[in-house]
PDB file of all heavy atoms in Angstrom:
ATOM      1  N   ILE A   1       6.144   2.686 -28.727  1.00  0.00           N
ATOM      2  CA  ILE A   1       7.026   2.059 -27.652  1.00  0.00           C
ATOM      3  C   ILE A   1       6.519   0.736 -27.149  1.00  0.00           C
ATOM      4  O   ILE A   1       6.950  -0.294 -27.102  1.00  0.00           O
ATOM      5  CB  ILE A   1       7.493   2.935 -26.640  1.00  0.00           C
ATOM      6  CG1 ILE A   1       8.374   4.042 -27.201  1.00  0.00           C
ATOM      7  CG2 ILE A   1       8.303   2.301 -25.492  1.00  0.00           C
ATOM      8  CD1 ILE A   1       8.651   5.186 -26.169  1.00  0.00           C
ATOM      9  N   ALA A   2       5.088   0.914 -26.703  1.00  0.00           N
ATOM     10  CA  ALA A   2       4.389  -0.227 -26.111  1.00  0.00           C
ATOM     11  C   ALA A   2       4.264  -1.319 -27.046  1.00  0.00           C
ATOM     12  O   ALA A   2       4.360  -2.540 -26.772  1.00  0.00           O
ATOM     13  CB  ALA A   2       3.013   0.248 -25.533  1.00  0.00           C
ATOM     14  N   ALA A   3       4.028  -0.972 -28.409  1.00  0.00           N
ATOM     15  CA  ALA A   3       3.832  -2.056 -29.373  1.00  0.00           C
ATOM     16  C   ALA A   3       5.181  -2.820 -29.605  1.00  0.00           C
ATOM     17  O   ALA A   3       5.179  -3.960 -29.915  1.00  0.00           O
ATOM     18  CB  ALA A   3       3.284  -1.467 -30.617  1.00  0.00           C
ATOM     19  N   LEU A   4       6.254  -2.002 -29.632  1.00  0.00           N
ATOM     20  CA  LEU A   4       7.540  -2.661 -29.929  1.00  0.00           C
ATOM     21  C   LEU A   4       8.106  -3.495 -28.743  1.00  0.00           C
ATOM     22  O   LEU A   4       8.828  -4.459 -28.954  1.00  0.00           O
ATOM     23  CB  LEU A   4       8.591  -1.569 -30.290  1.00  0.00           C
ATOM     24  CG  LEU A   4       8.504  -0.859 -31.613  1.00  0.00           C
ATOM     25  CD1 LEU A   4       9.367   0.333 -31.741  1.00  0.00           C
ATOM     26  CD2 LEU A   4       8.930  -1.889 -32.704  1.00  0.00           C
ATOM     27  N   ARG A   5       7.980  -2.979 -27.538  1.00  0.00           N
ATOM     28  CA  ARG A   5       8.478  -3.626 -26.402  1.00  0.00           C
ATOM     29  C   ARG A   5       8.576  -5.170 -26.407  1.00  0.00           C
ATOM     30  O   ARG A   5       9.649  -5.769 -26.219  1.00  0.00           O
ATOM     31  CB  ARG A   5       7.942  -3.067 -25.127  1.00  0.00           C
ATOM     32  CG  ARG A   5       8.656  -3.507 -23.822  1.00  0.00           C
ATOM     33  CD  ARG A   5       8.013  -3.066 -22.576  1.00  0.00           C
ATOM     34  NE  ARG A   5       8.553  -3.688 -21.404  1.00  0.00           N
ATOM     35  CZ  ARG A   5       9.592  -3.046 -20.748  1.00  0.00           C
ATOM     36  NH1 ARG A   5       9.916  -1.908 -20.993  1.00  0.00           N
ATOM     37  NH2 ARG A   5      10.049  -3.775 -19.667  1.00  0.00           N
ATOM     38  N   PRO A   6       7.519  -5.759 -26.547  1.00  0.00           N
ATOM     39  CA  PRO A   6       7.493  -7.315 -26.407  1.00  0.00           C
ATOM     40  C   PRO A   6       8.419  -8.012 -27.459  1.00  0.00           C
ATOM     41  O   PRO A   6       8.829  -9.200 -27.292  1.00  0.00           O
ATOM     42  CB  PRO A   6       6.081  -7.775 -26.533  1.00  0.00           C
ATOM     43  CG  PRO A   6       5.250  -6.467 -26.394  1.00  0.00           C
ATOM     44  CD  PRO A   6       6.123  -5.361 -26.779  1.00  0.00           C
ATOM     45  N   HIS A   7       8.789  -7.281 -28.534  1.00  0.00           N
ATOM     46  CA  HIS A   7       9.427  -7.948 -29.566  1.00  0.00           C
ATOM     47  C   HIS A   7      10.931  -7.625 -29.754  1.00  0.00           C
ATOM     48  O   HIS A   7      11.688  -8.281 -30.549  1.00  0.00           O
ATOM     49  CB  HIS A   7       8.744  -7.584 -31.018  1.00  0.00           C
ATOM     50  CG  HIS A   7       7.249  -7.841 -30.954  1.00  0.00           C
ATOM     51  ND1 HIS A   7       6.717  -9.128 -31.055  1.00  0.00           N
ATOM     52  CD2 HIS A   7       6.310  -7.020 -30.899  1.00  0.00           C
ATOM     53  CE1 HIS A   7       5.358  -8.990 -30.920  1.00  0.00           C
ATOM     54  NE2 HIS A   7       5.068  -7.772 -30.883  1.00  0.00           N
ATOM     55  N   LEU A   8      11.395  -6.632 -29.032  1.00  0.00           N
ATOM     56  CA  LEU A   8      12.783  -6.120 -29.110  1.00  0.00           C
ATOM     57  C   LEU A   8      13.751  -7.015 -28.574  1.00  0.00           C
ATOM     58  O   LEU A   8      13.425  -7.774 -27.599  1.00  0.00           O
ATOM     59  CB  LEU A   8      12.935  -4.759 -28.358  1.00  0.00           C
ATOM     60  CG  LEU A   8      12.179  -3.653 -29.059  1.00  0.00           C
ATOM     61  CD1 LEU A   8      12.076  -2.398 -28.197  1.00  0.00           C
ATOM     62  CD2 LEU A   8      12.826  -3.168 -30.416  1.00  0.00           C
ATOM     63  N   ARG A   9      14.984  -7.187 -29.134  1.00  0.00           N
ATOM     64  CA  ARG A   9      15.996  -8.201 -28.719  1.00  0.00           C
ATOM     65  C   ARG A   9      16.995  -7.339 -28.039  1.00  0.00           C
ATOM     66  O   ARG A   9      17.169  -6.106 -28.163  1.00  0.00           O
ATOM     67  CB  ARG A   9      16.539  -8.734 -29.987  1.00  0.00           C
ATOM     68  CG  ARG A   9      15.622  -9.722 -30.717  1.00  0.00           C
ATOM     69  CD  ARG A   9      16.272 -10.386 -31.981  1.00  0.00           C
ATOM     70  NE  ARG A   9      16.827  -9.377 -32.858  1.00  0.00           N
ATOM     71  CZ  ARG A   9      17.592  -9.593 -33.983  1.00  0.00           C
ATOM     72  NH1 ARG A   9      18.057 -10.825 -34.081  1.00  0.00           N
ATOM     73  NH2 ARG A   9      17.945  -8.661 -34.750  1.00  0.00           N
ATOM     74  N   ALA A  10      17.836  -7.979 -27.182  1.00  0.00           N
ATOM     75  CA  ALA A  10      18.929  -7.328 -26.437  1.00  0.00           C
ATOM     76  C   ALA A  10      19.904  -6.775 -27.374  1.00  0.00           C
ATOM     77  O   ALA A  10      20.275  -7.448 -28.370  1.00  0.00           O
ATOM     78  CB  ALA A  10      19.542  -8.318 -25.472  1.00  0.00           C
ATOM     79  N   GLY A  11      20.326  -5.523 -27.134  1.00  0.00           N
ATOM     80  CA  GLY A  11      21.274  -4.931 -27.995  1.00  0.00           C
ATOM     81  C   GLY A  11      20.697  -4.154 -29.146  1.00  0.00           C
ATOM     82  O   GLY A  11      21.533  -3.480 -29.904  1.00  0.00           O
ATOM     83  N   THR A  12      19.526  -4.231 -29.353  1.00  0.00           N
ATOM     84  CA  THR A  12      18.905  -3.422 -30.458  1.00  0.00           C
ATOM     85  C   THR A  12      19.025  -1.823 -30.043  1.00  0.00           C
ATOM     86  O   THR A  12      18.941  -1.531 -28.892  1.00  0.00           O
ATOM     87  CB  THR A  12      17.347  -3.707 -30.568  1.00  0.00           C
ATOM     88  OG1 THR A  12      17.187  -5.029 -30.835  1.00  0.00           O
ATOM     89  CG2 THR A  12      16.696  -2.850 -31.608  1.00  0.00           C
ATOM     90  N   VAL A  13      19.235  -1.079 -31.096  1.00  0.00           N
ATOM     91  CA  VAL A  13      19.431   0.305 -30.936  1.00  0.00           C
ATOM     92  C   VAL A  13      18.051   0.986 -31.403  1.00  0.00           C
ATOM     93  O   VAL A  13      17.799   0.969 -32.640  1.00  0.00           O
ATOM     94  CB  VAL A  13      20.631   0.920 -31.770  1.00  0.00           C
ATOM     95  CG1 VAL A  13      20.776   2.391 -31.514  1.00  0.00           C
ATOM     96  CG2 VAL A  13      22.024   0.188 -31.267  1.00  0.00           C
ATOM     97  N   VAL A  14      17.452   1.749 -30.519  1.00  0.00           N
ATOM     98  CA  VAL A  14      16.303   2.359 -30.878  1.00  0.00           C
ATOM     99  C   VAL A  14      16.410   3.882 -30.875  1.00  0.00           C
ATOM    100  O   VAL A  14      17.042   4.485 -29.961  1.00  0.00           O
ATOM    101  CB  VAL A  14      15.104   2.041 -29.827  1.00  0.00           C
ATOM    102  CG1 VAL A  14      13.803   2.759 -30.165  1.00  0.00           C
ATOM    103  CG2 VAL A  14      14.937   0.491 -29.863  1.00  0.00           C
ATOM    104  N   LEU A  15      16.029   4.531 -32.059  1.00  0.00           N
ATOM    105  CA  LEU A  15      16.135   5.988 -32.130  1.00  0.00           C
ATOM    106  C   LEU A  15      14.689   6.601 -32.429  1.00  0.00           C
ATOM    107  O   LEU A  15      13.919   5.945 -33.230  1.00  0.00           O
ATOM    108  CB  LEU A  15      17.044   6.209 -33.476  1.00  0.00           C
ATOM    109  CG  LEU A  15      18.471   5.649 -33.490  1.00  0.00           C
ATOM    110  CD1 LEU A  15      18.490   4.279 -34.064  1.00  0.00           C
ATOM    111  CD2 LEU A  15      19.353   6.653 -34.231  1.00  0.00           C
ATOM    112  N   ASP A  16      14.521   7.768 -31.975  1.00  0.00           N
ATOM    113  CA  ASP A  16      13.373   8.527 -32.407  1.00  0.00           C
ATOM    114  C   ASP A  16      13.894   9.736 -33.185  1.00  0.00           C
ATOM    115  O   ASP A  16      14.995  10.063 -33.114  1.00  0.00           O
ATOM    116  CB  ASP A  16      12.587   8.955 -31.185  1.00  0.00           C
ATOM    117  CG  ASP A  16      13.124  10.205 -30.580  1.00  0.00           C
ATOM    118  OD1 ASP A  16      14.292  10.147 -29.985  1.00  0.00           O
ATOM    119  OD2 ASP A  16      12.438  11.346 -30.592  1.00  0.00           O
ATOM    120  N   VAL A  17      12.976  10.361 -33.909  1.00  0.00           N
ATOM    121  CA  VAL A  17      13.287  11.526 -34.719  1.00  0.00           C
ATOM    122  C   VAL A  17      12.577  12.712 -34.467  1.00  0.00           C
ATOM    123  O   VAL A  17      12.354  13.567 -35.204  1.00  0.00           O
ATOM    124  CB  VAL A  17      13.307  11.156 -36.290  1.00  0.00           C
ATOM    125  CG1 VAL A  17      14.283  10.002 -36.554  1.00  0.00           C
ATOM    126  CG2 VAL A  17      11.896  10.689 -36.635  1.00  0.00           C
ATOM    127  N   GLY A  18      11.898  12.866 -33.241  1.00  0.00           N
ATOM    128  CA  GLY A  18      11.103  13.939 -32.884  1.00  0.00           C
ATOM    129  C   GLY A  18      11.766  15.311 -32.846  1.00  0.00           C
ATOM    130  O   GLY A  18      12.892  15.436 -32.658  1.00  0.00           O
ATOM    131  N   SER A  19      10.901  16.308 -33.067  1.00  0.00           N
ATOM    132  CA  SER A  19      11.350  17.762 -32.884  1.00  0.00           C
ATOM    133  C   SER A  19      11.732  18.212 -31.597  1.00  0.00           C
ATOM    134  O   SER A  19      12.261  19.185 -31.374  1.00  0.00           O
ATOM    135  CB  SER A  19      10.254  18.613 -33.631  1.00  0.00           C
ATOM    136  OG  SER A  19      10.221  18.313 -34.914  1.00  0.00           O
ATOM    137  N   VAL A  20      11.354  17.421 -30.500  1.00  0.00           N
ATOM    138  CA  VAL A  20      11.661  17.695 -29.153  1.00  0.00           C
ATOM    139  C   VAL A  20      12.282  16.487 -28.634  1.00  0.00           C
ATOM    140  O   VAL A  20      12.182  15.326 -29.058  1.00  0.00           O
ATOM    141  CB  VAL A  20      10.468  18.111 -28.335  1.00  0.00           C
ATOM    142  CG1 VAL A  20       9.815  19.252 -28.807  1.00  0.00           C
ATOM    143  CG2 VAL A  20       9.341  16.995 -28.422  1.00  0.00           C
ATOM    144  N   LYS A  21      13.146  16.667 -27.545  1.00  0.00           N
ATOM    145  CA  LYS A  21      13.848  15.464 -27.060  1.00  0.00           C
ATOM    146  C   LYS A  21      13.668  15.152 -25.571  1.00  0.00           C
ATOM    147  O   LYS A  21      13.868  14.084 -25.180  1.00  0.00           O
ATOM    148  CB  LYS A  21      15.401  15.895 -27.194  1.00  0.00           C
ATOM    149  CG  LYS A  21      15.707  15.814 -28.760  1.00  0.00           C
ATOM    150  CD  LYS A  21      16.069  14.467 -29.393  1.00  0.00           C
ATOM    151  CE  LYS A  21      15.031  13.422 -29.539  1.00  0.00           C
ATOM    152  NZ  LYS A  21      14.086  13.791 -30.631  1.00  0.00           N
ATOM    153  N   ILE A  22      13.265  16.098 -24.757  1.00  0.00           N
ATOM    154  CA  ILE A  22      13.095  15.834 -23.270  1.00  0.00           C
ATOM    155  C   ILE A  22      12.071  14.704 -23.000  1.00  0.00           C
ATOM    156  O   ILE A  22      12.277  13.609 -22.407  1.00  0.00           O
ATOM    157  CB  ILE A  22      12.789  16.927 -22.519  1.00  0.00           C
ATOM    158  CG1 ILE A  22      14.091  17.966 -22.548  1.00  0.00           C
ATOM    159  CG2 ILE A  22      12.502  16.656 -20.994  1.00  0.00           C
ATOM    160  CD1 ILE A  22      13.898  19.296 -21.783  1.00  0.00           C
ATOM    161  N   GLU A  23      10.857  14.977 -23.570  1.00  0.00           N
ATOM    162  CA  GLU A  23       9.743  14.090 -23.373  1.00  0.00           C
ATOM    163  C   GLU A  23       9.935  12.654 -24.089  1.00  0.00           C
ATOM    164  O   GLU A  23       9.758  11.668 -23.477  1.00  0.00           O
ATOM    165  CB  GLU A  23       8.385  14.631 -23.811  1.00  0.00           C
ATOM    166  CG  GLU A  23       7.200  13.847 -23.720  1.00  0.00           C
ATOM    167  CD  GLU A  23       6.888  13.321 -22.212  1.00  0.00           C
ATOM    168  OE1 GLU A  23       7.505  13.930 -21.252  1.00  0.00           O
ATOM    169  OE2 GLU A  23       6.000  12.617 -21.989  1.00  0.00           O
ATOM    170  N   PRO A  24      10.394  12.610 -25.369  1.00  0.00           N
ATOM    171  CA  PRO A  24      10.809  11.400 -25.898  1.00  0.00           C
ATOM    172  C   PRO A  24      11.855  10.533 -25.172  1.00  0.00           C
ATOM    173  O   PRO A  24      11.667   9.399 -25.091  1.00  0.00           O
ATOM    174  CB  PRO A  24      11.192  11.795 -27.378  1.00  0.00           C
ATOM    175  CG  PRO A  24      10.523  13.009 -27.665  1.00  0.00           C
ATOM    176  CD  PRO A  24      10.416  13.829 -26.320  1.00  0.00           C
ATOM    177  N   ALA A  25      12.883  11.256 -24.664  1.00  0.00           N
ATOM    178  CA  ALA A  25      13.844  10.492 -23.856  1.00  0.00           C
ATOM    179  C   ALA A  25      13.246   9.937 -22.662  1.00  0.00           C
ATOM    180  O   ALA A  25      13.536   8.835 -22.371  1.00  0.00           O
ATOM    181  CB  ALA A  25      14.925  11.487 -23.456  1.00  0.00           C
ATOM    182  N   ARG A  26      12.445  10.640 -22.000  1.00  0.00           N
ATOM    183  CA  ARG A  26      11.740  10.054 -20.790  1.00  0.00           C
ATOM    184  C   ARG A  26      10.759   8.875 -21.169  1.00  0.00           C
ATOM    185  O   ARG A  26      10.897   7.701 -20.460  1.00  0.00           O
ATOM    186  CB  ARG A  26      10.794  11.192 -20.121  1.00  0.00           C
ATOM    187  CG  ARG A  26      10.240  10.705 -18.885  1.00  0.00           C
ATOM    188  CD  ARG A  26       9.138  11.627 -18.385  1.00  0.00           C
ATOM    189  NE  ARG A  26       8.052  11.814 -19.269  1.00  0.00           N
ATOM    190  CZ  ARG A  26       6.985  10.900 -19.206  1.00  0.00           C
ATOM    191  NH1 ARG A  26       7.030   9.932 -18.366  1.00  0.00           N
ATOM    192  NH2 ARG A  26       5.955  11.104 -19.991  1.00  0.00           N
ATOM    193  N   LEU A  27      10.059   9.013 -22.178  1.00  0.00           N
ATOM    194  CA  LEU A  27       9.248   7.832 -22.726  1.00  0.00           C
ATOM    195  C   LEU A  27       9.989   6.657 -22.964  1.00  0.00           C
ATOM    196  O   LEU A  27       9.719   5.484 -22.722  1.00  0.00           O
ATOM    197  CB  LEU A  27       8.430   8.306 -23.789  1.00  0.00           C
ATOM    198  CG  LEU A  27       7.214   9.185 -23.499  1.00  0.00           C
ATOM    199  CD1 LEU A  27       6.583   9.853 -24.794  1.00  0.00           C
ATOM    200  CD2 LEU A  27       6.178   8.793 -22.602  1.00  0.00           C
ATOM    201  N   LEU A  28      11.146   6.870 -23.747  1.00  0.00           N
ATOM    202  CA  LEU A  28      11.985   5.806 -24.145  1.00  0.00           C
ATOM    203  C   LEU A  28      12.692   5.067 -22.990  1.00  0.00           C
ATOM    204  O   LEU A  28      12.706   3.813 -22.904  1.00  0.00           O
ATOM    205  CB  LEU A  28      12.987   6.221 -25.182  1.00  0.00           C
ATOM    206  CG  LEU A  28      12.474   6.690 -26.493  1.00  0.00           C
ATOM    207  CD1 LEU A  28      13.480   7.487 -27.319  1.00  0.00           C
ATOM    208  CD2 LEU A  28      12.070   5.452 -27.423  1.00  0.00           C
ATOM    209  N   LEU A  29      13.105   5.862 -22.001  1.00  0.00           N
ATOM    210  CA  LEU A  29      13.778   5.356 -20.946  1.00  0.00           C
ATOM    211  C   LEU A  29      12.805   4.477 -20.087  1.00  0.00           C
ATOM    212  O   LEU A  29      13.087   3.349 -19.530  1.00  0.00           O
ATOM    213  CB  LEU A  29      14.508   6.272 -20.044  1.00  0.00           C
ATOM    214  CG  LEU A  29      15.759   6.778 -20.477  1.00  0.00           C
ATOM    215  CD1 LEU A  29      16.216   8.037 -19.612  1.00  0.00           C
ATOM    216  CD2 LEU A  29      16.783   5.698 -20.370  1.00  0.00           C
ATOM    217  N   GLU A  30      11.521   4.959 -19.961  1.00  0.00           N
ATOM    218  CA  GLU A  30      10.593   4.298 -19.068  1.00  0.00           C
ATOM    219  C   GLU A  30       9.924   3.090 -19.828  1.00  0.00           C
ATOM    220  O   GLU A  30       9.609   2.026 -19.112  1.00  0.00           O
ATOM    221  CB  GLU A  30       9.475   5.281 -18.719  1.00  0.00           C
ATOM    222  CG  GLU A  30      10.025   6.333 -17.707  1.00  0.00           C
ATOM    223  CD  GLU A  30       8.882   7.326 -17.283  1.00  0.00           C
ATOM    224  OE1 GLU A  30       7.697   7.143 -17.881  1.00  0.00           O
ATOM    225  OE2 GLU A  30       9.104   8.049 -16.456  1.00  0.00           O
ATOM    226  N   GLY A  31       9.882   3.050 -21.102  1.00  0.00           N
ATOM    227  CA  GLY A  31       9.092   2.048 -21.850  1.00  0.00           C
ATOM    228  C   GLY A  31       9.839   1.004 -22.460  1.00  0.00           C
ATOM    229  O   GLY A  31       9.262  -0.153 -22.792  1.00  0.00           O
ATOM    230  N   LEU A  32      11.188   1.157 -22.677  1.00  0.00           N
ATOM    231  CA  LEU A  32      11.958   0.070 -23.287  1.00  0.00           C
ATOM    232  C   LEU A  32      12.775  -0.688 -22.358  1.00  0.00           C
ATOM    233  O   LEU A  32      13.146  -0.250 -21.163  1.00  0.00           O
ATOM    234  CB  LEU A  32      12.935   0.780 -24.274  1.00  0.00           C
ATOM    235  CG  LEU A  32      12.276   1.575 -25.497  1.00  0.00           C
ATOM    236  CD1 LEU A  32      13.399   2.076 -26.401  1.00  0.00           C
ATOM    237  CD2 LEU A  32      11.392   0.574 -26.274  1.00  0.00           C
ATOM    238  N   PRO A  33      13.045  -1.989 -22.647  1.00  0.00           N
ATOM    239  CA  PRO A  33      13.756  -2.858 -21.726  1.00  0.00           C
ATOM    240  C   PRO A  33      15.134  -2.305 -21.528  1.00  0.00           C
ATOM    241  O   PRO A  33      15.738  -1.540 -22.406  1.00  0.00           O
ATOM    242  CB  PRO A  33      13.881  -4.058 -22.520  1.00  0.00           C
ATOM    243  CG  PRO A  33      12.688  -4.041 -23.505  1.00  0.00           C
ATOM    244  CD  PRO A  33      12.587  -2.661 -23.843  1.00  0.00           C
ATOM    245  N   ASP A  34      15.767  -2.647 -20.391  1.00  0.00           N
ATOM    246  CA  ASP A  34      17.086  -2.185 -20.096  1.00  0.00           C
ATOM    247  C   ASP A  34      18.219  -2.608 -20.892  1.00  0.00           C
ATOM    248  O   ASP A  34      19.285  -1.978 -20.940  1.00  0.00           O
ATOM    249  CB  ASP A  34      17.454  -2.547 -18.517  1.00  0.00           C
ATOM    250  CG  ASP A  34      16.503  -1.843 -17.553  1.00  0.00           C
ATOM    251  OD1 ASP A  34      15.906  -0.808 -17.914  1.00  0.00           O
ATOM    252  OD2 ASP A  34      16.476  -2.408 -16.383  1.00  0.00           O
ATOM    253  N   ASP A  35      17.944  -3.679 -21.685  1.00  0.00           N
ATOM    254  CA  ASP A  35      19.065  -4.205 -22.578  1.00  0.00           C
ATOM    255  C   ASP A  35      19.011  -3.689 -23.953  1.00  0.00           C
ATOM    256  O   ASP A  35      19.659  -4.242 -24.887  1.00  0.00           O
ATOM    257  CB  ASP A  35      19.087  -5.721 -22.574  1.00  0.00           C
ATOM    258  CG  ASP A  35      17.659  -6.283 -22.963  1.00  0.00           C
ATOM    259  OD1 ASP A  35      16.769  -5.642 -23.412  1.00  0.00           O
ATOM    260  OD2 ASP A  35      17.521  -7.516 -22.865  1.00  0.00           O
ATOM    261  N   VAL A  36      18.150  -2.628 -24.120  1.00  0.00           N
ATOM    262  CA  VAL A  36      18.001  -1.949 -25.461  1.00  0.00           C
ATOM    263  C   VAL A  36      18.702  -0.608 -25.311  1.00  0.00           C
ATOM    264  O   VAL A  36      18.495   0.099 -24.391  1.00  0.00           O
ATOM    265  CB  VAL A  36      16.469  -1.782 -25.820  1.00  0.00           C
ATOM    266  CG1 VAL A  36      16.401  -0.878 -27.042  1.00  0.00           C
ATOM    267  CG2 VAL A  36      15.867  -3.137 -26.057  1.00  0.00           C
ATOM    268  N   GLU A  37      19.531  -0.310 -26.459  1.00  0.00           N
ATOM    269  CA  GLU A  37      20.154   0.937 -26.481  1.00  0.00           C
ATOM    270  C   GLU A  37      19.213   2.090 -26.904  1.00  0.00           C
ATOM    271  O   GLU A  37      18.287   1.827 -27.759  1.00  0.00           O
ATOM    272  CB  GLU A  37      21.419   0.889 -27.380  1.00  0.00           C
ATOM    273  CG  GLU A  37      22.365  -0.032 -26.817  1.00  0.00           C
ATOM    274  CD  GLU A  37      23.826   0.193 -27.451  1.00  0.00           C
ATOM    275  OE1 GLU A  37      24.134   1.355 -27.862  1.00  0.00           O
ATOM    276  OE2 GLU A  37      24.609  -0.811 -27.689  1.00  0.00           O
ATOM    277  N   ILE A  38      19.526   3.361 -26.523  1.00  0.00           N
ATOM    278  CA  ILE A  38      18.541   4.379 -26.967  1.00  0.00           C
ATOM    279  C   ILE A  38      19.372   5.632 -27.306  1.00  0.00           C
ATOM    280  O   ILE A  38      20.188   6.071 -26.672  1.00  0.00           O
ATOM    281  CB  ILE A  38      17.658   4.825 -25.721  1.00  0.00           C
ATOM    282  CG1 ILE A  38      16.753   3.572 -25.233  1.00  0.00           C
ATOM    283  CG2 ILE A  38      16.596   5.952 -26.216  1.00  0.00           C
ATOM    284  CD1 ILE A  38      16.057   3.921 -23.952  1.00  0.00           C
ATOM    285  N   ILE A  39      19.102   6.227 -28.573  1.00  0.00           N
ATOM    286  CA  ILE A  39      19.565   7.471 -28.984  1.00  0.00           C
ATOM    287  C   ILE A  39      18.468   8.297 -29.464  1.00  0.00           C
ATOM    288  O   ILE A  39      17.552   7.930 -30.334  1.00  0.00           O
ATOM    289  CB  ILE A  39      20.577   7.196 -30.149  1.00  0.00           C
ATOM    290  CG1 ILE A  39      21.631   6.214 -29.742  1.00  0.00           C
ATOM    291  CG2 ILE A  39      21.151   8.521 -30.594  1.00  0.00           C
ATOM    292  CD1 ILE A  39      22.532   5.794 -31.002  1.00  0.00           C
TER     293      ILE A  39
END
């Protein structure tokens, strides 16, 4: 997430494919810009 953040554009949809979802959701919300979608 830290590596991607400076390069993401507004409206990009970011998805993770992890076997757990609570912790990844927290990391994605905290680490990605507000104008990026998260699933």
